[in-house]
Each structure stands twice: as structure tokens, then as C-alpha cells.
Amino acid sequence: MVGPTMRCIIRKQFIRTRMADRYLYDLLIILNEYQLTEIRKVTLARIFCDNSNNVTMMQKKVFLTPEMADLQLCSSQLIPKININHWSENVYTFQK
């Protein structure tokens, strides 16, 4: 239970969150088409794989439980990775 002040703060934050644009990056002119394509590839499954230790198998739809759908685990190597080279101003190729 929360008091009236905290309830008001929580209510206002929920309204702001609901009204917010979850794809704000689409409206910004600072990202080029290649960068937007890479951002759209990112999934929570990829974030889990990249930031967890020794994850070799992951389901692609992480919010669904196996009881909700016939989910198959796949190799974490099959989940698309983001290519951060699209944010580099100069991509250098070194030759030996």
C-alpha cells in the first residue's frame, strides 16, 4: 500500500509511459538507415545471451513460457547479433 502522494506519482508515471513513443529512435534524424536496421534486429534473447555467462541455448521469444507455446530452444549463435560497425565514423581495414 502506498500513500496518496506516491500513488499520484506512480499514476502520472504510468500515464507518461503509456503515452511515450517506444520507437523514438525512428523519429530521430541522427541515425542512418543501417543503424536503424541494426537496432531493429536486437531482441531480449540476444541481450540475455550477450550478458550472461555460458549461455549456449535460448528460446527466441523469452517472454513466453514453454506451456504457452511450443517453444524450441535454439543455439544462441542463431539469434541475430548487432553489428556495431555501423556506428563507427571510420572503419579501418588492417592488412599484414
C-alpha atoms as a PDB file:
ATOM      1  CA  MET A   1       0.000   0.000   0.000  1.00  0.00           C
ATOM      2  CA  VAL A   2       1.191   3.479  -0.788  1.00  0.00           C
ATOM      3  CA  GLY A   3       0.152   6.896   0.386  1.00  0.00           C
ATOM      4  CA  PRO A   4      -1.685   9.488  -1.706  1.00  0.00           C
ATOM      5  CA  THR A   5       1.483  11.286  -2.835  1.00  0.00           C
ATOM      6  CA  MET A   6       3.211   8.121  -4.006  1.00  0.00           C
ATOM      7  CA  ARG A   7       0.004   6.914  -5.659  1.00  0.00           C
ATOM      8  CA  CYS A   8      -0.160  10.196  -7.613  1.00  0.00           C
ATOM      9  CA  ILE A   9       3.492   9.865  -8.687  1.00  0.00           C
ATOM     10  CA  ILE A  10       3.013   6.261  -9.812  1.00  0.00           C
ATOM     11  CA  ARG A  11      -0.186   7.150 -11.692  1.00  0.00           C
ATOM     12  CA  LYS A  12       1.489  10.023 -13.545  1.00  0.00           C
ATOM     13  CA  GLN A  13       4.456   7.832 -14.466  1.00  0.00           C
ATOM     14  CA  PHE A  14       2.185   5.095 -15.844  1.00  0.00           C
ATOM     15  CA  ILE A  15       0.354   7.693 -17.950  1.00  0.00           C
ATOM     16  CA  ARG A  16       3.660   9.065 -19.282  1.00  0.00           C
ATOM     17  CA  THR A  17       4.956   5.597 -20.034  1.00  0.00           C
ATOM     18  CA  ARG A  18       1.775   4.613 -21.856  1.00  0.00           C
ATOM     19  CA  MET A  19       1.808   7.808 -23.932  1.00  0.00           C
ATOM     20  CA  ALA A  20       5.522   7.612 -24.750  1.00  0.00           C
ATOM     21  CA  ASP A  21       6.788   6.552 -28.134  1.00  0.00           C
ATOM     22  CA  ARG A  22       8.592   3.259 -27.700  1.00  0.00           C
ATOM     23  CA  TYR A  23      10.138   3.687 -31.148  1.00  0.00           C
ATOM     24  CA  LEU A  24      11.515   7.171 -30.534  1.00  0.00           C
ATOM     25  CA  TYR A  25      14.718   6.313 -32.363  1.00  0.00           C
ATOM     26  CA  ASP A  26      12.685   6.093 -35.613  1.00  0.00           C
ATOM     27  CA  LEU A  27      11.918   9.795 -35.355  1.00  0.00           C
ATOM     28  CA  LEU A  28      15.461  10.941 -34.748  1.00  0.00           C
ATOM     29  CA  ILE A  29      17.441  12.112 -37.741  1.00  0.00           C
ATOM     30  CA  ILE A  30      20.771  11.254 -36.159  1.00  0.00           C
ATOM     31  CA  LEU A  31      20.568   7.567 -37.097  1.00  0.00           C
ATOM     32  CA  ASN A  32      21.076   6.363 -40.634  1.00  0.00           C
ATOM     33  CA  GLU A  33      19.167   3.517 -42.259  1.00  0.00           C
ATOM     34  CA  TYR A  34      21.883   0.941 -41.497  1.00  0.00           C
ATOM     35  CA  GLN A  35      21.866   1.862 -37.807  1.00  0.00           C
ATOM     36  CA  LEU A  36      18.070   1.630 -37.625  1.00  0.00           C
ATOM     37  CA  THR A  37      18.196  -1.798 -39.252  1.00  0.00           C
ATOM     38  CA  GLU A  38      20.683  -2.997 -36.651  1.00  0.00           C
ATOM     39  CA  ILE A  39      18.621  -1.598 -33.752  1.00  0.00           C
ATOM     40  CA  ARG A  40      15.511  -3.363 -35.035  1.00  0.00           C
ATOM     41  CA  LYS A  41      17.376  -6.703 -35.004  1.00  0.00           C
ATOM     42  CA  VAL A  42      18.022  -6.584 -31.255  1.00  0.00           C
ATOM     43  CA  THR A  43      15.884  -8.909 -29.141  1.00  0.00           C
ATOM     44  CA  LEU A  44      15.799  -9.592 -25.438  1.00  0.00           C
ATOM     45  CA  ALA A  45      17.042 -13.094 -26.179  1.00  0.00           C
ATOM     46  CA  ARG A  46      20.179 -11.603 -27.753  1.00  0.00           C
ATOM     47  CA  ILE A  47      20.669  -9.301 -24.752  1.00  0.00           C
ATOM     48  CA  PHE A  48      20.415 -12.286 -22.392  1.00  0.00           C
ATOM     49  CA  CYS A  49      22.914 -14.256 -24.473  1.00  0.00           C
ATOM     50  CA  ASP A  50      25.394 -11.384 -24.634  1.00  0.00           C
ATOM     51  CA  ASN A  51      25.223 -10.512 -20.952  1.00  0.00           C
ATOM     52  CA  SER A  52      25.003 -13.913 -19.282  1.00  0.00           C
ATOM     53  CA  ASN A  53      27.735 -16.404 -18.569  1.00  0.00           C
ATOM     54  CA  ASN A  54      27.868 -19.665 -20.514  1.00  0.00           C
ATOM     55  CA  VAL A  55      24.523 -19.363 -22.308  1.00  0.00           C
ATOM     56  CA  THR A  56      24.539 -21.747 -25.256  1.00  0.00           C
ATOM     57  CA  MET A  57      20.801 -22.337 -25.727  1.00  0.00           C
ATOM     58  CA  MET A  58      18.000 -19.758 -25.602  1.00  0.00           C
ATOM     59  CA  GLN A  59      14.419 -19.517 -26.817  1.00  0.00           C
ATOM     60  CA  LYS A  60      13.842 -16.632 -29.229  1.00  0.00           C
ATOM     61  CA  LYS A  61      10.649 -15.432 -27.511  1.00  0.00           C
ATOM     62  CA  VAL A  62      11.828 -15.042 -23.934  1.00  0.00           C
ATOM     63  CA  PHE A  63       8.547 -13.718 -22.517  1.00  0.00           C
ATOM     64  CA  LEU A  64       6.631 -16.872 -23.405  1.00  0.00           C
ATOM     65  CA  THR A  65       6.833 -19.924 -21.206  1.00  0.00           C
ATOM     66  CA  PRO A  66       7.027 -23.383 -22.760  1.00  0.00           C
ATOM     67  CA  GLU A  67       3.466 -24.013 -21.548  1.00  0.00           C
ATOM     68  CA  MET A  68       2.180 -21.013 -23.548  1.00  0.00           C
ATOM     69  CA  ALA A  69       3.559 -22.164 -26.871  1.00  0.00           C
ATOM     70  CA  ASP A  70       5.565 -24.930 -28.409  1.00  0.00           C
ATOM     71  CA  LEU A  71       8.878 -23.155 -27.945  1.00  0.00           C
ATOM     72  CA  GLN A  72      12.101 -24.708 -29.037  1.00  0.00           C
ATOM     73  CA  LEU A  73      15.475 -23.786 -27.644  1.00  0.00           C
ATOM     74  CA  CYS A  74      17.947 -22.761 -30.292  1.00  0.00           C
ATOM     75  CA  SER A  75      21.649 -22.163 -30.266  1.00  0.00           C
ATOM     76  CA  SER A  76      22.498 -18.679 -29.065  1.00  0.00           C
ATOM     77  CA  GLN A  77      24.634 -18.380 -32.214  1.00  0.00           C
ATOM     78  CA  LEU A  78      21.430 -18.409 -34.319  1.00  0.00           C
ATOM     79  CA  ILE A  79      19.980 -15.318 -32.628  1.00  0.00           C
ATOM     80  CA  PRO A  80      20.996 -12.244 -34.688  1.00  0.00           C
ATOM     81  CA  LYS A  81      23.733 -10.034 -33.264  1.00  0.00           C
ATOM     82  CA  ILE A  82      24.018  -6.287 -33.687  1.00  0.00           C
ATOM     83  CA  ASN A  83      26.763  -5.008 -35.969  1.00  0.00           C
ATOM     84  CA  ILE A  84      28.257  -2.025 -34.154  1.00  0.00           C
ATOM     85  CA  ASN A  85      30.472  -1.133 -37.114  1.00  0.00           C
ATOM     86  CA  HIS A  86      27.592   0.982 -38.435  1.00  0.00           C
ATOM     87  CA  TRP A  87      28.261   3.467 -35.620  1.00  0.00           C
ATOM     88  CA  SER A  88      31.916   3.881 -36.452  1.00  0.00           C
ATOM     89  CA  GLU A  89      32.793   7.014 -38.376  1.00  0.00           C
ATOM     90  CA  ASN A  90      35.804   5.335 -39.924  1.00  0.00           C
ATOM     91  CA  VAL A  91      36.034   1.610 -40.413  1.00  0.00           C
ATOM     92  CA  TYR A  92      39.658   0.643 -40.803  1.00  0.00           C
ATOM     93  CA  THR A  93      40.901  -2.485 -42.504  1.00  0.00           C
ATOM     94  CA  PHE A  94      44.362  -3.591 -41.496  1.00  0.00           C
ATOM     95  CA  GLN A  95      46.440  -5.714 -43.784  1.00  0.00           C
ATOM     96  CA  LYS A  96      49.544  -7.652 -42.832  1.00  0.00           C
END
